[in-house]
Amino acid sequence: MSPMYALQRANGDWFALDDHGRFRVPVFRSSSEAMLARARDSSMECFRPVVLDEIAFKILTTADEGKACFWFVDDPLIKLNRGRPLDHAQLALLVRDGEGSWE
């Protein structure tokens, strides 16, 4: 599987959606899908696609005391809150396939 991507600002902040008080980080299959979603939402204009490598994965899954959740965005042309929810373990499986065996 190819690498997964999330959106991050230059200052290190990750783009996340508020899902009834829980933050969900949208995860994309490609940089171009992330850019397409970003182009459709002005609140994401300061964010850039970043590969979810081992370091990024650890930062995302330990930030906010490990409470962050994720959305897998199948189609960047629909609203991001219609993504498929992923927990830490599910994201680890998707990301690990693109990077080798780590967690």
N, C-alpha and C. Protein backbone atom coordinates (compact mmCIF):
# COMPACT_ATOMS: atom_id res chain seq x y z
N MET A 1 0.84 -1.18 0.00
CA MET A 1 0.00 0.00 0.00
C MET A 1 0.89 1.24 0.00
N SER A 2 0.46 2.27 -0.68
CA SER A 2 1.22 3.52 -0.71
C SER A 2 1.05 4.25 0.61
N PRO A 3 1.90 5.25 0.86
CA PRO A 3 1.82 5.98 2.14
C PRO A 3 0.47 6.68 2.31
N MET A 4 0.11 6.93 3.56
CA MET A 4 -1.09 7.68 3.91
C MET A 4 -0.64 9.11 4.21
N TYR A 5 -1.58 10.06 4.10
CA TYR A 5 -1.27 11.47 4.30
C TYR A 5 -2.28 12.11 5.24
N ALA A 6 -1.81 13.10 6.00
CA ALA A 6 -2.66 13.96 6.81
C ALA A 6 -2.21 15.40 6.52
N LEU A 7 -2.96 16.37 7.00
CA LEU A 7 -2.65 17.77 6.73
C LEU A 7 -2.04 18.42 7.97
N GLN A 8 -0.91 19.11 7.76
CA GLN A 8 -0.18 19.74 8.86
C GLN A 8 0.23 21.15 8.48
N ARG A 9 0.23 22.05 9.46
CA ARG A 9 0.73 23.42 9.26
C ARG A 9 2.24 23.44 9.44
N ALA A 10 2.86 24.52 9.03
CA ALA A 10 4.30 24.68 9.19
C ALA A 10 4.70 24.69 10.67
N ASN A 11 3.80 25.14 11.55
CA ASN A 11 4.12 25.19 12.98
C ASN A 11 3.93 23.83 13.68
N GLY A 12 3.53 22.80 12.92
CA GLY A 12 3.38 21.47 13.48
C GLY A 12 1.97 21.07 13.84
N ASP A 13 1.01 22.01 13.81
CA ASP A 13 -0.38 21.68 14.12
C ASP A 13 -0.96 20.79 13.02
N TRP A 14 -1.79 19.85 13.43
CA TRP A 14 -2.46 18.95 12.49
C TRP A 14 -3.89 19.41 12.29
N PHE A 15 -4.40 19.28 11.08
CA PHE A 15 -5.79 19.61 10.81
C PHE A 15 -6.67 18.51 11.38
N ALA A 16 -7.69 18.92 12.14
CA ALA A 16 -8.63 17.96 12.73
C ALA A 16 -10.03 18.56 12.71
N LEU A 17 -11.01 17.70 12.59
CA LEU A 17 -12.41 18.09 12.63
C LEU A 17 -12.97 17.82 14.02
N ASP A 18 -13.89 18.67 14.46
CA ASP A 18 -14.57 18.44 15.73
C ASP A 18 -15.74 17.49 15.49
N ASP A 19 -15.69 16.35 16.10
CA ASP A 19 -16.74 15.34 15.97
C ASP A 19 -17.41 15.15 17.34
N HIS A 20 -18.32 16.07 17.66
CA HIS A 20 -19.03 16.04 18.93
C HIS A 20 -18.06 16.03 20.11
N GLY A 21 -17.08 16.94 20.08
CA GLY A 21 -16.13 17.06 21.16
C GLY A 21 -14.87 16.22 21.03
N ARG A 22 -14.85 15.31 20.08
CA ARG A 22 -13.64 14.52 19.82
C ARG A 22 -13.02 15.05 18.54
N PHE A 23 -11.71 15.07 18.50
CA PHE A 23 -11.03 15.54 17.30
C PHE A 23 -10.69 14.36 16.41
N ARG A 24 -11.01 14.51 15.12
CA ARG A 24 -10.70 13.48 14.13
C ARG A 24 -9.82 14.08 13.06
N VAL A 25 -8.70 13.43 12.82
CA VAL A 25 -7.74 13.86 11.80
C VAL A 25 -8.08 13.15 10.50
N PRO A 26 -8.40 13.89 9.43
CA PRO A 26 -8.65 13.24 8.14
C PRO A 26 -7.36 12.63 7.59
N VAL A 27 -7.48 11.42 7.08
CA VAL A 27 -6.34 10.69 6.52
C VAL A 27 -6.68 10.36 5.07
N PHE A 28 -5.71 10.60 4.18
CA PHE A 28 -5.92 10.44 2.74
C PHE A 28 -4.98 9.41 2.15
N ARG A 29 -5.38 8.84 1.01
CA ARG A 29 -4.55 7.85 0.31
C ARG A 29 -3.39 8.47 -0.45
N SER A 30 -3.51 9.75 -0.80
CA SER A 30 -2.45 10.37 -1.59
C SER A 30 -2.37 11.85 -1.27
N SER A 31 -1.24 12.43 -1.62
CA SER A 31 -1.04 13.86 -1.44
C SER A 31 -2.03 14.63 -2.32
N SER A 32 -2.28 14.15 -3.51
CA SER A 32 -3.20 14.85 -4.42
C SER A 32 -4.63 14.83 -3.89
N GLU A 33 -5.05 13.73 -3.26
CA GLU A 33 -6.39 13.70 -2.65
C GLU A 33 -6.48 14.68 -1.49
N ALA A 34 -5.42 14.76 -0.69
CA ALA A 34 -5.40 15.72 0.42
C ALA A 34 -5.47 17.15 -0.11
N MET A 35 -4.74 17.44 -1.19
CA MET A 35 -4.76 18.78 -1.78
C MET A 35 -6.12 19.10 -2.38
N LEU A 36 -6.78 18.12 -2.96
CA LEU A 36 -8.11 18.34 -3.51
C LEU A 36 -9.10 18.68 -2.40
N ALA A 37 -9.06 17.94 -1.30
CA ALA A 37 -9.94 18.23 -0.17
C ALA A 37 -9.62 19.61 0.41
N ARG A 38 -8.35 19.92 0.50
CA ARG A 38 -7.91 21.21 1.02
C ARG A 38 -8.42 22.36 0.17
N ALA A 39 -8.42 22.19 -1.13
CA ALA A 39 -8.87 23.24 -2.05
C ALA A 39 -10.36 23.53 -1.88
N ARG A 40 -11.09 22.57 -1.38
CA ARG A 40 -12.54 22.73 -1.22
C ARG A 40 -12.94 23.38 0.10
N ASP A 41 -12.00 23.52 1.04
CA ASP A 41 -12.32 24.02 2.38
C ASP A 41 -11.31 25.10 2.78
N SER A 42 -11.75 26.33 2.87
CA SER A 42 -10.84 27.44 3.17
C SER A 42 -10.20 27.34 4.54
N SER A 43 -10.78 26.59 5.47
CA SER A 43 -10.18 26.45 6.81
C SER A 43 -8.89 25.62 6.77
N MET A 44 -8.63 24.97 5.63
CA MET A 44 -7.43 24.14 5.52
C MET A 44 -6.33 24.78 4.68
N GLU A 45 -6.51 26.05 4.29
CA GLU A 45 -5.56 26.65 3.36
C GLU A 45 -4.14 26.77 3.90
N CYS A 46 -3.95 26.78 5.20
CA CYS A 46 -2.59 26.87 5.78
C CYS A 46 -1.95 25.51 5.99
N PHE A 47 -2.63 24.46 5.64
CA PHE A 47 -2.15 23.10 5.88
C PHE A 47 -1.61 22.48 4.58
N ARG A 48 -0.64 21.61 4.73
CA ARG A 48 -0.05 20.90 3.60
C ARG A 48 -0.06 19.40 3.87
N PRO A 49 -0.17 18.58 2.83
CA PRO A 49 -0.13 17.12 3.02
C PRO A 49 1.24 16.67 3.55
N VAL A 50 1.20 15.78 4.51
CA VAL A 50 2.41 15.22 5.11
C VAL A 50 2.26 13.70 5.15
N VAL A 51 3.30 13.00 4.77
CA VAL A 51 3.28 11.53 4.82
C VAL A 51 3.20 11.09 6.27
N LEU A 52 2.34 10.12 6.53
CA LEU A 52 2.24 9.54 7.87
C LEU A 52 3.31 8.47 8.02
N ASP A 53 4.52 8.92 8.28
CA ASP A 53 5.61 7.98 8.54
C ASP A 53 5.62 7.65 10.04
N GLU A 54 6.62 6.94 10.48
CA GLU A 54 6.68 6.50 11.88
C GLU A 54 6.65 7.68 12.85
N ILE A 55 7.41 8.72 12.55
CA ILE A 55 7.47 9.88 13.45
C ILE A 55 6.12 10.60 13.50
N ALA A 56 5.54 10.88 12.34
CA ALA A 56 4.25 11.56 12.29
C ALA A 56 3.17 10.73 12.97
N PHE A 57 3.19 9.42 12.76
CA PHE A 57 2.21 8.54 13.39
C PHE A 57 2.31 8.62 14.91
N LYS A 58 3.52 8.58 15.44
CA LYS A 58 3.70 8.65 16.90
C LYS A 58 3.24 9.99 17.45
N ILE A 59 3.54 11.07 16.73
CA ILE A 59 3.09 12.39 17.17
C ILE A 59 1.57 12.46 17.19
N LEU A 60 0.94 12.01 16.13
CA LEU A 60 -0.52 12.05 16.04
C LEU A 60 -1.20 11.17 17.08
N THR A 61 -0.63 10.03 17.38
CA THR A 61 -1.30 9.10 18.29
C THR A 61 -0.95 9.33 19.75
N THR A 62 -0.03 10.25 20.02
CA THR A 62 0.26 10.59 21.42
C THR A 62 -0.18 12.01 21.75
N ALA A 63 -0.46 12.83 20.73
CA ALA A 63 -0.95 14.19 20.97
C ALA A 63 -2.32 14.10 21.64
N ASP A 64 -2.64 15.11 22.41
CA ASP A 64 -3.94 15.17 23.07
C ASP A 64 -4.16 13.94 23.94
N GLU A 65 -3.09 13.49 24.60
CA GLU A 65 -3.12 12.33 25.50
C GLU A 65 -3.65 11.08 24.80
N GLY A 66 -3.38 10.97 23.52
CA GLY A 66 -3.79 9.79 22.77
C GLY A 66 -5.27 9.72 22.45
N LYS A 67 -6.00 10.84 22.61
CA LYS A 67 -7.44 10.84 22.40
C LYS A 67 -7.84 11.13 20.95
N ALA A 68 -6.87 11.56 20.15
CA ALA A 68 -7.20 11.89 18.76
C ALA A 68 -7.67 10.65 18.02
N CYS A 69 -8.65 10.84 17.18
CA CYS A 69 -9.17 9.78 16.33
C CYS A 69 -8.96 10.21 14.88
N PHE A 70 -9.36 9.38 13.97
CA PHE A 70 -9.04 9.63 12.58
C PHE A 70 -10.24 9.33 11.68
N TRP A 71 -10.27 10.01 10.54
CA TRP A 71 -11.24 9.73 9.47
C TRP A 71 -10.46 9.28 8.26
N PHE A 72 -10.79 8.14 7.71
CA PHE A 72 -10.22 7.75 6.42
C PHE A 72 -11.13 8.33 5.36
N VAL A 73 -10.59 9.20 4.53
CA VAL A 73 -11.38 9.90 3.51
C VAL A 73 -11.27 9.11 2.21
N ASP A 74 -12.36 8.44 1.85
CA ASP A 74 -12.40 7.66 0.61
C ASP A 74 -12.52 8.55 -0.61
N ASP A 75 -13.26 9.65 -0.47
CA ASP A 75 -13.52 10.54 -1.60
C ASP A 75 -13.31 11.98 -1.15
N PRO A 76 -12.24 12.63 -1.61
CA PRO A 76 -11.96 13.99 -1.17
C PRO A 76 -12.95 15.03 -1.68
N LEU A 77 -13.88 14.63 -2.55
CA LEU A 77 -14.86 15.56 -3.09
C LEU A 77 -16.11 15.66 -2.22
N ILE A 78 -16.25 14.80 -1.21
CA ILE A 78 -17.40 14.89 -0.32
C ILE A 78 -16.96 15.56 0.97
N LYS A 79 -17.92 15.88 1.82
CA LYS A 79 -17.59 16.50 3.11
C LYS A 79 -16.68 15.57 3.91
N LEU A 80 -15.66 16.15 4.53
CA LEU A 80 -14.69 15.36 5.27
C LEU A 80 -15.30 14.60 6.44
N ASN A 81 -16.37 15.13 7.03
CA ASN A 81 -16.98 14.44 8.16
C ASN A 81 -17.75 13.18 7.75
N ARG A 82 -17.74 12.87 6.47
CA ARG A 82 -18.36 11.64 5.99
C ARG A 82 -17.33 10.54 5.77
N GLY A 83 -16.13 10.77 6.29
CA GLY A 83 -15.10 9.76 6.18
C GLY A 83 -15.41 8.57 7.09
N ARG A 84 -14.62 7.54 6.95
CA ARG A 84 -14.80 6.33 7.76
C ARG A 84 -13.95 6.48 9.03
N PRO A 85 -14.57 6.36 10.21
CA PRO A 85 -13.80 6.50 11.45
C PRO A 85 -12.75 5.40 11.58
N LEU A 86 -11.58 5.79 12.06
CA LEU A 86 -10.48 4.85 12.32
C LEU A 86 -9.98 5.09 13.74
N ASP A 87 -9.66 4.02 14.43
CA ASP A 87 -9.00 4.19 15.72
C ASP A 87 -7.49 4.01 15.54
N HIS A 88 -6.76 4.12 16.61
CA HIS A 88 -5.30 4.03 16.59
C HIS A 88 -4.83 2.74 15.92
N ALA A 89 -5.39 1.60 16.30
CA ALA A 89 -4.95 0.31 15.77
C ALA A 89 -5.24 0.18 14.27
N GLN A 90 -6.40 0.65 13.84
CA GLN A 90 -6.76 0.57 12.42
C GLN A 90 -5.83 1.44 11.58
N LEU A 91 -5.53 2.65 12.08
CA LEU A 91 -4.61 3.52 11.35
C LEU A 91 -3.21 2.90 11.32
N ALA A 92 -2.80 2.29 12.41
CA ALA A 92 -1.48 1.65 12.46
C ALA A 92 -1.36 0.60 11.36
N LEU A 93 -2.42 -0.19 11.15
CA LEU A 93 -2.39 -1.21 10.10
C LEU A 93 -2.26 -0.58 8.72
N LEU A 94 -3.01 0.47 8.47
CA LEU A 94 -2.94 1.14 7.16
C LEU A 94 -1.57 1.76 6.93
N VAL A 95 -1.06 2.44 7.93
CA VAL A 95 0.22 3.12 7.78
C VAL A 95 1.36 2.12 7.72
N ARG A 96 1.31 1.10 8.55
CA ARG A 96 2.38 0.11 8.59
C ARG A 96 2.56 -0.57 7.24
N ASP A 97 1.47 -0.80 6.53
CA ASP A 97 1.56 -1.44 5.21
C ASP A 97 2.40 -0.62 4.24
N GLY A 98 2.41 0.70 4.41
CA GLY A 98 3.21 1.55 3.53
C GLY A 98 4.63 1.78 4.02
N GLU A 99 4.93 1.42 5.26
CA GLU A 99 6.22 1.75 5.84
C GLU A 99 7.04 0.55 6.31
N GLY A 100 6.47 -0.60 6.41
CA GLY A 100 7.18 -1.72 7.03
C GLY A 100 6.55 -2.01 8.38
N SER A 101 7.15 -2.85 9.19
CA SER A 101 6.52 -3.21 10.46
C SER A 101 7.07 -2.37 11.60
N TRP A 102 6.31 -1.39 12.04
CA TRP A 102 6.63 -0.58 13.20
C TRP A 102 5.34 -0.19 13.86
N GLU A 103 5.40 0.27 15.09
CA GLU A 103 4.24 0.83 15.76
C GLU A 103 4.66 1.48 17.04
